[in-house]
Amino acid sequence: MPKTLEVVCTREDCDLDMFQLHYTYSMPDGTGVESFVCPYCREDAGLKEVRA
């Protein structure tokens, strides 16, 4: 089963709470939150992985 990564945007001026990234099997090993930008504010500086 492909990995699911839950991410929050912590920027104060962004209204997005949380979103999920569903990887395909061809996603390179080591791909993490630093490879993406927030789909709402288009910034990468505030993204953090949600860890259980």
C-alpha atoms as a PDB file:
ATOM      1  CA  MET A   1       0.000   0.000   0.000  1.00  0.00           C
ATOM      2  CA  PRO A   2       1.409   3.450  -0.876  1.00  0.00           C
ATOM      3  CA  LYS A   3       2.445   5.686   1.988  1.00  0.00           C
ATOM      4  CA  THR A   4       0.114   8.435   3.242  1.00  0.00           C
ATOM      5  CA  LEU A   5       1.709  11.560   4.700  1.00  0.00           C
ATOM      6  CA  GLU A   6      -0.401  13.939   6.821  1.00  0.00           C
ATOM      7  CA  VAL A   7       0.836  17.530   6.705  1.00  0.00           C
ATOM      8  CA  VAL A   8      -0.129  20.785   8.436  1.00  0.00           C
ATOM      9  CA  CYS A   9       0.678  24.316   7.361  1.00  0.00           C
ATOM     10  CA  THR A  10       1.791  26.298  10.403  1.00  0.00           C
ATOM     11  CA  ARG A  11       1.965  29.722   8.747  1.00  0.00           C
ATOM     12  CA  GLU A  12      -0.193  32.216  10.660  1.00  0.00           C
ATOM     13  CA  ASP A  13      -1.545  33.805   7.478  1.00  0.00           C
ATOM     14  CA  CYS A  14      -2.622  30.439   5.966  1.00  0.00           C
ATOM     15  CA  ASP A  15      -6.140  29.140   6.579  1.00  0.00           C
ATOM     16  CA  LEU A  16      -5.414  25.529   5.621  1.00  0.00           C
ATOM     17  CA  ASP A  17      -5.436  23.150   8.576  1.00  0.00           C
ATOM     18  CA  MET A  18      -4.289  19.712   7.398  1.00  0.00           C
ATOM     19  CA  PHE A  19      -3.994  17.746   4.173  1.00  0.00           C
ATOM     20  CA  GLN A  20      -2.864  14.283   3.125  1.00  0.00           C
ATOM     21  CA  LEU A  21      -0.378  13.260   0.468  1.00  0.00           C
ATOM     22  CA  HIS A  22      -0.916   9.815  -1.005  1.00  0.00           C
ATOM     23  CA  TYR A  23       2.287   8.553  -2.578  1.00  0.00           C
ATOM     24  CA  THR A  24       2.419   6.273  -5.589  1.00  0.00           C
ATOM     25  CA  TYR A  25       4.685   3.271  -5.626  1.00  0.00           C
ATOM     26  CA  SER A  26       7.127   5.113  -7.880  1.00  0.00           C
ATOM     27  CA  MET A  27       7.801   7.929  -5.365  1.00  0.00           C
ATOM     28  CA  PRO A  28      11.575   7.995  -4.661  1.00  0.00           C
ATOM     29  CA  ASP A  29      12.706   6.743  -1.244  1.00  0.00           C
ATOM     30  CA  GLY A  30      13.342   9.563   1.183  1.00  0.00           C
ATOM     31  CA  THR A  31      10.643  11.839  -0.244  1.00  0.00           C
ATOM     32  CA  GLY A  32       9.183  13.857   2.615  1.00  0.00           C
ATOM     33  CA  VAL A  33       7.333  17.010   3.493  1.00  0.00           C
ATOM     34  CA  GLU A  34      10.281  19.153   2.338  1.00  0.00           C
ATOM     35  CA  SER A  35       9.509  18.136  -1.263  1.00  0.00           C
ATOM     36  CA  PHE A  36       6.087  19.839  -1.285  1.00  0.00           C
ATOM     37  CA  VAL A  37       4.387  23.228  -0.918  1.00  0.00           C
ATOM     38  CA  CYS A  38       1.098  24.096   0.763  1.00  0.00           C
ATOM     39  CA  PRO A  39      -1.722  23.792  -1.800  1.00  0.00           C
ATOM     40  CA  TYR A  40      -3.459  26.826  -0.260  1.00  0.00           C
ATOM     41  CA  CYS A  41      -0.776  29.472   0.346  1.00  0.00           C
ATOM     42  CA  ARG A  42       1.836  27.982  -2.042  1.00  0.00           C
ATOM     43  CA  GLU A  43       4.604  28.287   0.568  1.00  0.00           C
ATOM     44  CA  ASP A  44       6.873  25.502   1.828  1.00  0.00           C
ATOM     45  CA  ALA A  45       8.340  27.178   4.900  1.00  0.00           C
ATOM     46  CA  GLY A  46       5.450  26.303   7.253  1.00  0.00           C
ATOM     47  CA  LEU A  47       4.857  22.667   6.342  1.00  0.00           C
ATOM     48  CA  LYS A  48       5.222  20.088   9.111  1.00  0.00           C
ATOM     49  CA  GLU A  49       4.528  16.356   9.109  1.00  0.00           C
ATOM     50  CA  VAL A  50       1.843  15.164  11.532  1.00  0.00           C
ATOM     51  CA  ARG A  51       3.264  12.314  13.589  1.00  0.00           C
ATOM     52  CA  ALA A  52       1.117  10.003  15.655  1.00  0.00           C
END
